[in-house]
């Protein structure tokens, strides 16, 4: 049994990941405003406050991140920064600051998405952020010490999110959050590092 922190545990995907992992592991649920603990991943001080409370863990999963959807010709610099600050740096902040709280041989599992490979109109920010996360994971995998692994899960649009996102994803075949959650188990419980696990495409 591993001790696993799931950051983003109260979201649609996060809840499915918690449900998948907690049948076999001790799962610590962390949300932005709910969960056993709260953290603002865009704020390094908030991350540094969280992990002394949880203690050493075997795995850290992040299912977090906002990006701005909108027409590129109208997008402001501040709007583009939303994804860079939240989804990209929010997850990178966790890796940079929490690695010392991972036990030897522990793992990080981050989250990107299908727009890294399948750009859509009004999705330039999401495509940029998702590809940057893939680059970070590949680069970090060869440098993390003490046998620490890092992987990335890249799901297609979730069935549970189609009501909100359907106009952006016409023609895409959604997957359930429960199916996407299986890839997180593969990362947490497996032996691979530097991998991108694509779900549903």
Protein backbone atom coordinates (compact mmCIF):
# COMPACT_ATOMS: atom_id res chain seq x y z
CA UNK A 1 0.00 0.00 0.00
CA UNK A 2 1.29 3.43 -1.00
CA UNK A 3 0.57 6.81 0.56
CA UNK A 4 -0.68 8.99 -2.31
CA UNK A 5 -1.49 12.70 -2.39
CA UNK A 6 -4.03 13.69 -5.05
CA UNK A 7 -4.08 17.44 -5.71
CA UNK A 8 -7.29 18.33 -7.49
CA UNK A 9 -9.12 15.53 -5.68
CA UNK A 10 -12.45 17.33 -5.62
CA UNK A 11 -12.70 17.88 -9.39
CA UNK A 12 -14.35 15.57 -11.92
CA UNK A 13 -11.15 13.77 -12.90
CA UNK A 14 -9.67 13.99 -9.41
CA UNK A 15 -12.65 12.24 -7.82
CA UNK A 16 -12.30 9.38 -10.30
CA UNK A 17 -8.57 9.08 -9.60
CA UNK A 18 -9.24 8.99 -5.85
CA UNK A 19 -11.87 6.30 -6.31
CA UNK A 20 -9.50 4.23 -8.45
CA UNK A 21 -6.53 4.49 -6.08
CA UNK A 22 -8.14 4.30 -2.65
CA UNK A 23 -9.19 0.68 -3.07
CA UNK A 24 -5.50 -0.22 -2.76
CA UNK A 25 -3.74 2.78 -1.24
CA UNK A 26 -3.98 5.45 1.43
CA UNK A 27 -5.13 8.55 -0.47
CA UNK A 28 -4.82 12.08 0.88
CA UNK A 29 -7.35 14.31 -0.87
CA UNK A 30 -6.27 17.89 -1.55
CA UNK A 31 -8.43 20.53 -3.19
CA UNK A 32 -8.34 24.26 -3.80
CA UNK A 33 -11.17 24.94 -1.34
CA UNK A 34 -12.34 21.46 -0.28
CA UNK A 35 -10.80 18.10 0.62
CA UNK A 36 -8.85 16.99 3.68
CA UNK A 37 -6.28 19.69 2.87
CA UNK A 38 -6.32 22.79 0.68
CA UNK A 39 -3.60 24.19 -1.54
CA UNK A 40 -3.18 26.94 -4.10
CA UNK A 41 -0.69 25.39 -6.48
CA UNK A 42 0.03 28.76 -8.10
CA UNK A 43 1.39 29.95 -4.74
CA UNK A 44 4.71 28.33 -3.74
CA UNK A 45 4.17 29.24 -0.08
CA UNK A 46 0.89 27.32 -0.07
CA UNK A 47 2.61 24.19 -1.43
CA UNK A 48 5.41 24.50 1.11
CA UNK A 49 2.78 24.68 3.86
CA UNK A 50 0.91 21.59 2.62
CA UNK A 51 3.54 18.88 2.59
CA UNK A 52 4.84 19.21 6.14
CA UNK A 53 1.23 18.46 7.11
CA UNK A 54 0.96 15.32 4.98
CA UNK A 55 4.46 14.06 5.78
CA UNK A 56 6.49 11.85 3.47
CA UNK A 57 4.48 10.15 0.71
CA UNK A 58 5.03 7.60 -2.05
CA UNK A 59 3.22 9.34 -4.90
CA UNK A 60 1.86 12.76 -5.82
CA UNK A 61 -0.84 13.13 -8.48
CA UNK A 62 -2.00 16.48 -9.90
CA UNK A 63 -5.30 16.74 -11.79
CA UNK A 64 -5.42 20.53 -11.81
CA UNK A 65 -5.19 23.44 -14.14
CA UNK A 66 -7.17 26.21 -15.73
CA UNK A 67 -6.56 27.50 -19.25
CA UNK A 68 -8.27 30.24 -21.22
CA UNK A 69 -10.33 29.28 -24.26
CA UNK A 70 -10.97 32.03 -26.75
CA UNK A 71 -10.13 33.32 -30.24
CA UNK A 72 -6.41 33.93 -30.57
CA UNK A 73 -6.81 37.27 -32.43
CA UNK A 74 -8.71 38.63 -29.42
CA UNK A 75 -6.70 36.97 -26.65
CA UNK A 76 -4.91 39.26 -24.23
CA UNK A 77 -1.56 38.54 -22.66
CA UNK A 78 -3.26 38.25 -19.26
CA UNK A 79 -5.69 35.66 -20.62
CA UNK A 80 -2.87 33.61 -22.10
CA UNK A 81 -1.04 33.80 -18.76
CA UNK A 82 -3.95 32.01 -17.04
CA UNK A 83 -2.87 28.65 -18.42
CA UNK A 84 0.83 29.30 -17.93
CA UNK A 85 0.36 30.34 -14.31
CA UNK A 86 -2.28 27.77 -13.36
CA UNK A 87 -2.08 24.53 -15.35
CA UNK A 88 1.60 24.70 -16.32
CA UNK A 89 3.38 26.32 -13.39
CA UNK A 90 0.83 25.06 -10.87
CA UNK A 91 1.91 21.50 -11.61
CA UNK A 92 5.60 22.33 -12.06
CA UNK A 93 5.55 24.16 -8.72
CA UNK A 94 4.38 20.95 -7.05
CA UNK A 95 7.26 18.96 -8.56
CA UNK A 96 9.88 21.55 -7.70
CA UNK A 97 8.74 22.05 -4.13
CA UNK A 98 7.39 18.63 -3.12
CA UNK A 99 10.12 16.31 -4.40
CA UNK A 100 11.84 16.26 -1.02
CA UNK A 101 8.63 14.92 0.53
CA UNK A 102 8.59 11.92 -1.82
CA UNK A 103 10.07 8.68 -0.53
CA UNK A 104 12.86 7.06 -2.55
CA UNK A 105 11.36 5.47 -5.66
CA UNK A 106 8.25 7.65 -5.40
CA UNK A 107 6.41 9.17 -8.34
CA UNK A 108 4.76 12.27 -9.73
CA UNK A 109 1.85 12.02 -12.16
CA UNK A 110 0.82 15.24 -13.91
CA UNK A 111 -2.10 15.98 -16.26
CA UNK A 112 -2.19 17.52 -19.74
CA UNK A 113 -4.77 16.71 -22.44
CA UNK A 114 -5.60 15.82 -26.01
CA UNK A 115 -5.14 19.37 -27.30
CA UNK A 116 -1.39 18.79 -27.15
CA UNK A 117 -1.87 16.57 -30.21
CA UNK A 118 -5.18 17.76 -31.64
CA UNK A 119 -5.41 21.56 -31.69
CA UNK A 120 -8.85 23.13 -31.92
CA UNK A 121 -10.11 26.64 -32.61
CA UNK A 122 -9.87 28.84 -29.52
CA UNK A 123 -7.54 26.31 -27.88
CA UNK A 124 -4.09 27.80 -28.58
CA UNK A 125 -3.44 28.39 -24.88
CA UNK A 126 -4.35 24.81 -23.95
CA UNK A 127 -2.21 23.34 -26.75
CA UNK A 128 0.77 25.43 -25.65
CA UNK A 129 0.42 24.49 -21.99
CA UNK A 130 -0.15 20.79 -22.61
CA UNK A 131 2.90 20.49 -24.87
CA UNK A 132 5.01 22.41 -22.35
CA UNK A 133 3.96 19.93 -19.66
CA UNK A 134 5.04 17.04 -21.88
CA UNK A 135 8.42 18.69 -22.36
CA UNK A 136 8.83 19.26 -18.64
CA UNK A 137 8.04 15.64 -17.79
CA UNK A 138 10.51 14.30 -20.37
CA UNK A 139 13.22 16.64 -19.14
CA UNK A 140 12.55 16.07 -15.44
CA UNK A 141 12.50 12.29 -15.82
CA UNK A 142 16.25 12.12 -16.47
CA UNK A 143 17.14 14.42 -13.57
CA UNK A 144 14.95 13.54 -10.62
CA UNK A 145 17.04 11.93 -7.85
CA UNK A 146 16.56 8.89 -5.62
CA UNK A 147 14.72 6.84 -8.23
CA UNK A 148 11.80 9.27 -8.32
CA UNK A 149 9.66 8.80 -11.43
CA UNK A 150 7.48 11.29 -13.30
CA UNK A 151 4.79 10.67 -15.92
CA UNK A 152 1.97 12.56 -17.57
CA UNK A 153 -1.62 11.51 -18.29
CA UNK A 154 -3.16 13.11 -21.37
CA UNK A 155 -6.87 12.29 -21.62
CA UNK A 156 -9.30 13.26 -24.32
CA UNK A 157 -12.35 15.24 -23.28
CA UNK A 158 -14.29 13.57 -20.46
CA UNK A 159 -17.87 12.39 -20.84
CA UNK A 160 -18.71 14.21 -17.62
CA UNK A 161 -17.42 17.50 -19.07
CA UNK A 162 -19.15 17.41 -22.43
CA UNK A 163 -22.07 19.57 -21.30
CA UNK A 164 -19.64 22.44 -20.76
CA UNK A 165 -17.09 21.71 -23.48
CA UNK A 166 -19.07 20.07 -26.31
CA UNK A 167 -18.92 23.13 -28.61
CA UNK A 168 -15.12 22.93 -28.56
CA UNK A 169 -14.95 19.18 -29.13
CA UNK A 170 -17.33 18.39 -31.98
CA UNK A 171 -16.43 15.01 -33.45
CA UNK A 172 -14.26 13.95 -30.51
CA UNK A 173 -15.12 10.70 -28.75
CA UNK A 174 -15.18 11.36 -25.00
CA UNK A 175 -14.10 8.89 -22.33
CA UNK A 176 -15.34 8.46 -18.79
CA UNK A 177 -13.34 9.90 -15.92
CA UNK A 178 -13.11 6.35 -14.53
CA UNK A 179 -11.39 5.16 -17.69
CA UNK A 180 -8.96 8.08 -17.61
CA UNK A 181 -8.23 7.29 -13.95
CA UNK A 182 -6.77 3.91 -14.92
CA UNK A 183 -3.77 5.65 -16.46
CA UNK A 184 -2.99 7.26 -13.12
CA UNK A 185 -2.83 3.82 -11.52
CA UNK A 186 -0.48 2.75 -14.29
CA UNK A 187 1.82 5.63 -13.42
CA UNK A 188 1.59 5.35 -9.63
CA UNK A 189 1.91 1.56 -9.49
CA UNK A 190 4.14 0.93 -12.50
CA UNK A 191 7.85 1.33 -13.16
CA UNK A 192 7.99 3.70 -16.13
CA UNK A 193 9.18 7.29 -16.14
CA UNK A 194 9.11 10.14 -18.64
CA UNK A 195 6.03 8.68 -20.26
CA UNK A 196 2.91 10.34 -21.69
CA UNK A 197 -0.11 8.10 -21.22
CA UNK A 198 -2.71 9.11 -23.78
CA UNK A 199 -6.27 8.08 -22.96
CA UNK A 200 -8.97 7.87 -25.60
CA UNK A 201 -6.90 8.84 -28.65
